[in-house]
PDB file of N, CA and C in Angstrom:
ATOM      1  N   MET A   1      39.952 108.653 100.066  1.00  0.00           N
ATOM      2  CA  MET A   1      40.149 108.298  98.670  1.00  0.00           C
ATOM      3  C   MET A   1      40.570 109.561  97.909  1.00  0.00           C
ATOM      4  N   PRO A   2      41.579 109.443  97.057  1.00  0.00           N
ATOM      5  CA  PRO A   2      41.982 110.603  96.243  1.00  0.00           C
ATOM      6  C   PRO A   2      40.815 111.105  95.387  1.00  0.00           C
ATOM      7  N   PRO A   3      40.838 112.400  95.038  1.00  0.00           N
ATOM      8  CA  PRO A   3      39.699 113.016  94.359  1.00  0.00           C
ATOM      9  C   PRO A   3      39.435 112.552  92.927  1.00  0.00           C
ATOM     10  N   THR A   4      40.441 112.068  92.222  1.00  0.00           N
ATOM     11  CA  THR A   4      40.201 111.622  90.846  1.00  0.00           C
ATOM     12  C   THR A   4      40.678 110.179  90.683  1.00  0.00           C
ATOM     13  N   PRO A   5      40.128 109.461  89.713  1.00  0.00           N
ATOM     14  CA  PRO A   5      40.570 108.084  89.472  1.00  0.00           C
ATOM     15  C   PRO A   5      42.064 107.988  89.149  1.00  0.00           C
ATOM     16  N   LEU A   6      42.589 108.919  88.363  1.00  0.00           N
ATOM     17  CA  LEU A   6      44.008 108.878  88.022  1.00  0.00           C
ATOM     18  C   LEU A   6      44.881 109.094  89.262  1.00  0.00           C
ATOM     19  N   GLU A   7      44.450 109.991  90.132  1.00  0.00           N
ATOM     20  CA  GLU A   7      45.183 110.198  91.388  1.00  0.00           C
ATOM     21  C   GLU A   7      45.087 108.965  92.280  1.00  0.00           C
ATOM     22  N   ALA A   8      43.948 108.282  92.250  1.00  0.00           N
ATOM     23  CA  ALA A   8      43.798 107.046  93.021  1.00  0.00           C
ATOM     24  C   ALA A   8      44.753 105.984  92.491  1.00  0.00           C
ATOM     25  N   PHE A   9      44.917 105.915  91.173  1.00  0.00           N
ATOM     26  CA  PHE A   9      45.870 104.974  90.579  1.00  0.00           C
ATOM     27  C   PHE A   9      47.283 105.280  91.056  1.00  0.00           C
ATOM     28  N   ARG A  10      47.674 106.523  90.970  1.00  0.00           N
ATOM     29  CA  ARG A  10      49.025 106.917  91.398  1.00  0.00           C
ATOM     30  C   ARG A  10      49.234 106.658  92.889  1.00  0.00           C
ATOM     31  N   SER A  11      48.262 107.052  93.689  1.00  0.00           N
ATOM     32  CA  SER A  11      48.353 106.858  95.133  1.00  0.00           C
ATOM     33  C   SER A  11      48.367 105.375  95.486  1.00  0.00           C
ATOM     34  N   GLY A  12      47.555 104.595  94.785  1.00  0.00           N
ATOM     35  CA  GLY A  12      47.501 103.158  95.033  1.00  0.00           C
ATOM     36  C   GLY A  12      48.809 102.462  94.715  1.00  0.00           C
ATOM     37  N   THR A  13      49.429 102.820  93.600  1.00  0.00           N
ATOM     38  CA  THR A  13      50.709 102.194  93.264  1.00  0.00           C
ATOM     39  C   THR A  13      51.794 102.617  94.256  1.00  0.00           C
ATOM     40  N   GLN A  14      51.730 103.854  94.705  1.00  0.00           N
ATOM     41  CA  GLN A  14      52.694 104.319  95.705  1.00  0.00           C
ATOM     42  C   GLN A  14      52.492 103.564  97.023  1.00  0.00           C
ATOM     43  N   ALA A  15      51.235 103.384  97.410  1.00  0.00           N
ATOM     44  CA  ALA A  15      50.947 102.649  98.646  1.00  0.00           C
ATOM     45  C   ALA A  15      51.489 101.221  98.554  1.00  0.00           C
ATOM     46  N   LEU A  16      51.350 100.591  97.396  1.00  0.00           N
ATOM     47  CA  LEU A  16      51.881  99.242  97.223  1.00  0.00           C
ATOM     48  C   LEU A  16      53.395  99.229  97.384  1.00  0.00           C
ATOM     49  N   ARG A  17      54.070 100.192  96.786  1.00  0.00           N
ATOM     50  CA  ARG A  17      55.537 100.272  96.899  1.00  0.00           C
ATOM     51  C   ARG A  17      55.971 100.465  98.348  1.00  0.00           C
ATOM     52  N   GLN A  18      55.134 101.118  99.144  1.00  0.00           N
ATOM     53  CA  GLN A  18      55.454 101.380 100.542  1.00  0.00           C
ATOM     54  C   GLN A  18      54.975 100.263 101.470  1.00  0.00           C
ATOM     55  N   GLY A  19      54.414  99.207 100.897  1.00  0.00           N
ATOM     56  CA  GLY A  19      53.982  98.075 101.706  1.00  0.00           C
ATOM     57  C   GLY A  19      52.595  98.209 102.301  1.00  0.00           C
ATOM     58  N   ARG A  20      51.849  99.216 101.887  1.00  0.00           N
ATOM     59  CA  ARG A  20      50.479  99.406 102.381  1.00  0.00           C
ATOM     60  C   ARG A  20      49.514  98.757 101.380  1.00  0.00           C
ATOM     61  N   THR A  21      49.528  97.437 101.368  1.00  0.00           N
ATOM     62  CA  THR A  21      48.812  96.666 100.348  1.00  0.00           C
ATOM     63  C   THR A  21      47.308  96.898 100.375  1.00  0.00           C
ATOM     64  N   GLU A  22      46.717  96.858 101.555  1.00  0.00           N
ATOM     65  CA  GLU A  22      45.257  97.008 101.644  1.00  0.00           C
ATOM     66  C   GLU A  22      44.811  98.349 101.055  1.00  0.00           C
ATOM     67  N   GLN A  23      45.492  99.419 101.423  1.00  0.00           N
ATOM     68  CA  GLN A  23      45.155 100.739 100.888  1.00  0.00           C
ATOM     69  C   GLN A  23      45.407 100.781  99.383  1.00  0.00           C
ATOM     70  N   GLY A  24      46.521 100.214  98.947  1.00  0.00           N
ATOM     71  CA  GLY A  24      46.858 100.213  97.528  1.00  0.00           C
ATOM     72  C   GLY A  24      45.818  99.502  96.694  1.00  0.00           C
ATOM     73  N   VAL A  25      45.401  98.332  97.137  1.00  0.00           N
ATOM     74  CA  VAL A  25      44.393  97.567  96.402  1.00  0.00           C
ATOM     75  C   VAL A  25      43.071  98.329  96.370  1.00  0.00           C
ATOM     76  N   MET A  26      42.682  98.916  97.493  1.00  0.00           N
ATOM     77  CA  MET A  26      41.428  99.667  97.552  1.00  0.00           C
ATOM     78  C   MET A  26      41.444 100.828  96.552  1.00  0.00           C
ATOM     79  N   GLU A  27      42.539 101.571  96.505  1.00  0.00           N
ATOM     80  CA  GLU A  27      42.619 102.709  95.594  1.00  0.00           C
ATOM     81  C   GLU A  27      42.701 102.250  94.137  1.00  0.00           C
ATOM     82  N   LEU A  28      43.423 101.165  93.879  1.00  0.00           N
ATOM     83  CA  LEU A  28      43.478 100.636  92.513  1.00  0.00           C
ATOM     84  C   LEU A  28      42.108 100.131  92.063  1.00  0.00           C
ATOM     85  N   GLU A  29      41.381  99.489  92.965  1.00  0.00           N
ATOM     86  CA  GLU A  29      40.037  99.017  92.605  1.00  0.00           C
ATOM     87  C   GLU A  29      39.124 100.180  92.262  1.00  0.00           C
ATOM     88  N   TYR A  30      39.219 101.261  93.013  1.00  0.00           N
ATOM     89  CA  TYR A  30      38.424 102.450  92.696  1.00  0.00           C
ATOM     90  C   TYR A  30      38.801 102.974  91.317  1.00  0.00           C
ATOM     91  N   ALA A  31      40.100 103.102  91.055  1.00  0.00           N
ATOM     92  CA  ALA A  31      40.557 103.608  89.762  1.00  0.00           C
ATOM     93  C   ALA A  31      40.126 102.673  88.630  1.00  0.00           C
ATOM     94  N   ALA A  32      40.214 101.374  88.864  1.00  0.00           N
ATOM     95  CA  ALA A  32      39.813 100.401  87.849  1.00  0.00           C
ATOM     96  C   ALA A  32      38.319 100.495  87.555  1.00  0.00           C
ATOM     97  N   GLU A  33      37.516 100.668  88.593  1.00  0.00           N
ATOM     98  CA  GLU A  33      36.067 100.817  88.401  1.00  0.00           C
ATOM     99  C   GLU A  33      35.746 102.033  87.540  1.00  0.00           C
ATOM    100  N   GLN A  34      36.623 103.040  87.607  1.00  0.00           N
ATOM    101  CA  GLN A  34      36.417 104.264  86.826  1.00  0.00           C
ATOM    102  C   GLN A  34      37.072 104.167  85.450  1.00  0.00           C
ATOM    103  N   GLY A  35      37.677 103.028  85.126  1.00  0.00           N
ATOM    104  CA  GLY A  35      38.211 102.793  83.791  1.00  0.00           C
ATOM    105  C   GLY A  35      39.656 103.180  83.558  1.00  0.00           C
ATOM    106  N   VAL A  36      40.456 103.347  84.602  1.00  0.00           N
ATOM    107  CA  VAL A  36      41.870 103.691  84.427  1.00  0.00           C
ATOM    108  C   VAL A  36      42.619 102.425  83.989  1.00  0.00           C
ATOM    109  N   PRO A  37      43.129 102.409  82.747  1.00  0.00           N
ATOM    110  CA  PRO A  37      43.757 101.199  82.211  1.00  0.00           C
ATOM    111  C   PRO A  37      44.912 100.675  83.055  1.00  0.00           C
ATOM    112  N   GLY A  38      45.760 101.541  83.571  1.00  0.00           N
ATOM    113  CA  GLY A  38      46.888 101.092  84.388  1.00  0.00           C
ATOM    114  C   GLY A  38      46.445 100.370  85.644  1.00  0.00           C
ATOM    115  N   ALA A  39      45.368 100.834  86.246  1.00  0.00           N
ATOM    116  CA  ALA A  39      44.844 100.200  87.457  1.00  0.00           C
ATOM    117  C   ALA A  39      44.253  98.828  87.131  1.00  0.00           C
ATOM    118  N   ILE A  40      43.544  98.743  86.023  1.00  0.00           N
ATOM    119  CA  ILE A  40      42.954  97.467  85.608  1.00  0.00           C
ATOM    120  C   ILE A  40      44.071  96.460  85.356  1.00  0.00           C
ATOM    121  N   TRP A  41      45.107  96.890  84.634  1.00  0.00           N
ATOM    122  CA  TRP A  41      46.235  96.007  84.336  1.00  0.00           C
ATOM    123  C   TRP A  41      46.951  95.580  85.622  1.00  0.00           C
ATOM    124  N   LYS A  42      47.234  96.528  86.505  1.00  0.00           N
ATOM    125  CA  LYS A  42      47.969  96.231  87.734  1.00  0.00           C
ATOM    126  C   LYS A  42      47.218  95.211  88.585  1.00  0.00           C
ATOM    127  N   LEU A  43      45.922  95.386  88.729  1.00  0.00           N
ATOM    128  CA  LEU A  43      45.134  94.424  89.506  1.00  0.00           C
ATOM    129  C   LEU A  43      45.139  93.058  88.834  1.00  0.00           C
ATOM    130  N   GLY A  44      45.040  93.030  87.520  1.00  0.00           N
ATOM    131  CA  GLY A  44      45.113  91.765  86.801  1.00  0.00           C
ATOM    132  C   GLY A  44      46.430  91.051  87.066  1.00  0.00           C
ATOM    133  N   ARG A  45      47.533  91.786  87.008  1.00  0.00           N
ATOM    134  CA  ARG A  45      48.857  91.199  87.267  1.00  0.00           C
ATOM    135  C   ARG A  45      48.952  90.710  88.704  1.00  0.00           C
ATOM    136  N   MET A  46      48.442  91.516  89.639  1.00  0.00           N
ATOM    137  CA  MET A  46      48.510  91.130  91.045  1.00  0.00           C
ATOM    138  C   MET A  46      47.775  89.817  91.282  1.00  0.00           C
ATOM    139  N   TYR A  47      46.560  89.685  90.745  1.00  0.00           N
ATOM    140  CA  TYR A  47      45.788  88.464  90.945  1.00  0.00           C
ATOM    141  C   TYR A  47      46.371  87.298  90.158  1.00  0.00           C
ATOM    142  N   ALA A  48      46.958  87.545  89.005  1.00  0.00           N
ATOM    143  CA  ALA A  48      47.584  86.478  88.229  1.00  0.00           C
ATOM    144  C   ALA A  48      48.813  85.924  88.944  1.00  0.00           C
ATOM    145  N   ASP A  49      49.574  86.798  89.575  1.00  0.00           N
ATOM    146  CA  ASP A  49      50.826  86.411  90.208  1.00  0.00           C
ATOM    147  C   ASP A  49      50.715  86.136  91.706  1.00  0.00           C
ATOM    148  N   GLY A  50      49.596  86.517  92.316  1.00  0.00           N
ATOM    149  CA  GLY A  50      49.469  86.402  93.769  1.00  0.00           C
ATOM    150  C   GLY A  50      50.373  87.393  94.478  1.00  0.00           C
ATOM    151  N   ASP A  51      50.512  88.566  93.886  1.00  0.00           N
ATOM    152  CA  ASP A  51      51.407  89.605  94.406  1.00  0.00           C
ATOM    153  C   ASP A  51      50.640  90.538  95.344  1.00  0.00           C
ATOM    154  N   GLY A  52      50.711  90.264  96.642  1.00  0.00           N
ATOM    155  CA  GLY A  52      50.028  91.093  97.631  1.00  0.00           C
ATOM    156  C   GLY A  52      48.574  90.709  97.859  1.00  0.00           C
ATOM    157  N   VAL A  53      48.051  89.844  97.008  1.00  0.00           N
ATOM    158  CA  VAL A  53      46.679  89.340  97.119  1.00  0.00           C
ATOM    159  C   VAL A  53      46.726  87.837  96.881  1.00  0.00           C
ATOM    160  N   LYS A  54      45.671  87.162  97.263  1.00  0.00           N
ATOM    161  CA  LYS A  54      45.604  85.727  97.007  1.00  0.00           C
ATOM    162  C   LYS A  54      45.493  85.502  95.498  1.00  0.00           C
ATOM    163  N   LYS A  55      46.301  84.601  94.975  1.00  0.00           N
ATOM    164  CA  LYS A  55      46.289  84.305  93.544  1.00  0.00           C
ATOM    165  C   LYS A  55      44.893  83.860  93.136  1.00  0.00           C
ATOM    166  N   ASN A  56      44.393  84.466  92.048  1.00  0.00           N
ATOM    167  CA  ASN A  56      43.039  84.171  91.596  1.00  0.00           C
ATOM    168  C   ASN A  56      43.000  84.344  90.076  1.00  0.00           C
ATOM    169  N   ALA A  57      43.166  83.240  89.363  1.00  0.00           N
ATOM    170  CA  ALA A  57      43.240  83.277  87.902  1.00  0.00           C
ATOM    171  C   ALA A  57      41.958  83.821  87.276  1.00  0.00           C
ATOM    172  N   ALA A  58      40.813  83.485  87.844  1.00  0.00           N
ATOM    173  CA  ALA A  58      39.544  83.957  87.283  1.00  0.00           C
ATOM    174  C   ALA A  58      39.424  85.477  87.411  1.00  0.00           C
ATOM    175  N   ARG A  59      39.820  85.986  88.545  1.00  0.00           N
ATOM    176  CA  ARG A  59      39.747  87.435  88.749  1.00  0.00           C
ATOM    177  C   ARG A  59      40.752  88.155  87.855  1.00  0.00           C
ATOM    178  N   ALA A  60      41.940  87.598  87.728  1.00  0.00           N
ATOM    179  CA  ALA A  60      42.953  88.171  86.831  1.00  0.00           C
ATOM    180  C   ALA A  60      42.417  88.198  85.402  1.00  0.00           C
ATOM    181  N   TYR A  61      41.828  87.104  84.980  1.00  0.00           N
ATOM    182  CA  TYR A  61      41.264  87.023  83.631  1.00  0.00           C
ATOM    183  C   TYR A  61      40.225  88.113  83.408  1.00  0.00           C
ATOM    184  N   GLU A  62      39.364  88.331  84.382  1.00  0.00           N
ATOM    185  CA  GLU A  62      38.317  89.344  84.234  1.00  0.00           C
ATOM    186  C   GLU A  62      38.904  90.746  84.088  1.00  0.00           C
ATOM    187  N   TYR A  63      39.947  91.045  84.856  1.00  0.00           N
ATOM    188  CA  TYR A  63      40.585  92.357  84.699  1.00  0.00           C
ATOM    189  C   TYR A  63      41.208  92.483  83.316  1.00  0.00           C
ATOM    190  N   PHE A  64      41.929  91.456  82.861  1.00  0.00           N
ATOM    191  CA  PHE A  64      42.561  91.518  81.546  1.00  0.00           C
ATOM    192  C   PHE A  64      41.520  91.546  80.427  1.00  0.00           C
ATOM    193  N   ARG A  65      40.445  90.781  80.583  1.00  0.00           N
ATOM    194  CA  ARG A  65      39.377  90.777  79.582  1.00  0.00           C
ATOM    195  C   ARG A  65      38.759  92.168  79.472  1.00  0.00           C
ATOM    196  N   ARG A  66      38.529  92.778  80.617  1.00  0.00           N
ATOM    197  CA  ARG A  66      37.949  94.127  80.627  1.00  0.00           C
ATOM    198  C   ARG A  66      38.878  95.123  79.938  1.00  0.00           C
ATOM    199  N   LEU A  67      40.158  95.032  80.222  1.00  0.00           N
ATOM    200  CA  LEU A  67      41.124  95.942  79.615  1.00  0.00           C
ATOM    201  C   LEU A  67      41.165  95.777  78.103  1.00  0.00           C
ATOM    202  N   THR A  68      41.222  94.537  77.640  1.00  0.00           N
ATOM    203  CA  THR A  68      41.282  94.326  76.196  1.00  0.00           C
ATOM    204  C   THR A  68      39.957  94.677  75.515  1.00  0.00           C
ATOM    205  N   ALA A  69      38.847  94.489  76.209  1.00  0.00           N
ATOM    206  CA  ALA A  69      37.554  94.879  75.634  1.00  0.00           C
ATOM    207  C   ALA A  69      37.457  96.394  75.484  1.00  0.00           C
ATOM    208  N   MET A  70      38.005  97.116  76.453  1.00  0.00           N
ATOM    209  CA  MET A  70      37.936  98.581  76.424  1.00  0.00           C
ATOM    210  C   MET A  70      38.909  99.181  75.416  1.00  0.00           C
ATOM    211  N   HIS A  71      40.098  98.587  75.290  1.00  0.00           N
ATOM    212  CA  HIS A  71      41.164  99.227  74.518  1.00  0.00           C
ATOM    213  C   HIS A  71      41.802  98.314  73.486  1.00  0.00           C
ATOM    214  N   GLY A  72      41.180  97.194  73.181  1.00  0.00           N
ATOM    215  CA  GLY A  72      41.762  96.231  72.244  1.00  0.00           C
ATOM    216  C   GLY A  72      41.989  96.768  70.851  1.00  0.00           C
ATOM    217  N   ASP A  73      41.260  97.790  70.462  1.00  0.00           N
ATOM    218  CA  ASP A  73      41.407  98.361  69.127  1.00  0.00           C
ATOM    219  C   ASP A  73      42.363  99.546  69.083  1.00  0.00           C
ATOM    220  N   ASP A  74      42.949  99.898  70.218  1.00  0.00           N
ATOM    221  CA  ASP A  74      43.904 101.008  70.253  1.00  0.00           C
ATOM    222  C   ASP A  74      45.152 100.633  69.450  1.00  0.00           C
ATOM    223  N   SER A  75      45.741 101.603  68.782  1.00  0.00           N
ATOM    224  CA  SER A  75      46.945 101.332  68.001  1.00  0.00           C
ATOM    225  C   SER A  75      48.167 101.209  68.911  1.00  0.00           C
ATOM    226  N   ALA A  76      49.240 100.679  68.348  1.00  0.00           N
ATOM    227  CA  ALA A  76      50.451 100.397  69.116  1.00  0.00           C
ATOM    228  C   ALA A  76      51.089 101.653  69.718  1.00  0.00           C
ATOM    229  N   GLY A  77      50.850 102.814  69.151  1.00  0.00           N
ATOM    230  CA  GLY A  77      51.485 104.025  69.642  1.00  0.00           C
ATOM    231  C   GLY A  77      50.733 104.745  70.745  1.00  0.00           C
ATOM    232  N   THR A  78      49.625 104.201  71.198  1.00  0.00           N
ATOM    233  CA  THR A  78      48.833 104.877  72.223  1.00  0.00           C
ATOM    234  C   THR A  78      49.428 104.652  73.613  1.00  0.00           C
ATOM    235  N   PRO A  79      49.091 105.523  74.560  1.00  0.00           N
ATOM    236  CA  PRO A  79      49.623 105.376  75.923  1.00  0.00           C
ATOM    237  C   PRO A  79      49.255 104.049  76.593  1.00  0.00           C
ATOM    238  N   ASN A  80      48.139 103.442  76.186  1.00  0.00           N
ATOM    239  CA  ASN A  80      47.704 102.205  76.828  1.00  0.00           C
ATOM    240  C   ASN A  80      48.292 100.949  76.192  1.00  0.00           C
ATOM    241  N   ALA A  81      49.072 101.105  75.131  1.00  0.00           N
ATOM    242  CA  ALA A  81      49.600  99.960  74.399  1.00  0.00           C
ATOM    243  C   ALA A  81      50.425  99.028  75.281  1.00  0.00           C
ATOM    244  N   ARG A  82      51.197  99.588  76.197  1.00  0.00           N
ATOM    245  CA  ARG A  82      52.039  98.735  77.056  1.00  0.00           C
ATOM    246  C   ARG A  82      51.206  97.846  77.964  1.00  0.00           C
ATOM    247  N   PHE A  83      50.061  98.353  78.411  1.00  0.00           N
ATOM    248  CA  PHE A  83      49.189  97.537  79.259  1.00  0.00           C
ATOM    249  C   PHE A  83      48.539  96.437  78.443  1.00  0.00           C
ATOM    250  N   LEU A  84      48.097  96.775  77.236  1.00  0.00           N
ATOM    251  CA  LEU A  84      47.430  95.799  76.377  1.00  0.00           C
ATOM    252  C   LEU A  84      48.376  94.697  75.951  1.00  0.00           C
ATOM    253  N   ALA A  85      49.594  95.044  75.615  1.00  0.00           N
ATOM    254  CA  ALA A  85      50.560  94.040  75.171  1.00  0.00           C
ATOM    255  C   ALA A  85      50.804  93.007  76.255  1.00  0.00           C
ATOM    256  N   ASN A  86      50.750  93.412  77.497  1.00  0.00           N
ATOM    257  CA  ASN A  86      51.019  92.506  78.592  1.00  0.00           C
ATOM    258  C   ASN A  86      49.769  91.781  79.057  1.00  0.00           C
ATOM    259  N   ALA A  87      48.594  92.257  78.686  1.00  0.00           N
ATOM    260  CA  ALA A  87      47.340  91.656  79.152  1.00  0.00           C
ATOM    261  C   ALA A  87      46.802  90.610  78.206  1.00  0.00           C
ATOM    262  N   SER A  88      47.146  90.703  76.937  1.00  0.00           N
ATOM    263  CA  SER A  88      46.523  89.776  75.977  1.00  0.00           C
ATOM    264  C   SER A  88      47.325  88.532  75.765  1.00  0.00           C
TER     265      SER A  88
END
């Protein structure tokens, strides 16, 4: 596992692009558990769309709910705004 949550997010997304889904999901889940907004959003999208994982609307909802609960009050100009706009 990469040493920091942000590195796990980056490594996980790279693993997904390279077709290493199991590793990618594992690293994204670690990053999401540590509160990395991009990882939370990515997992939500994956479960909503069935992209590399079995489609699971309830699990997708929980990731999106968590993201909006954590950052729902962030202004439009913040780095997390793009994730929030797509999650709500």
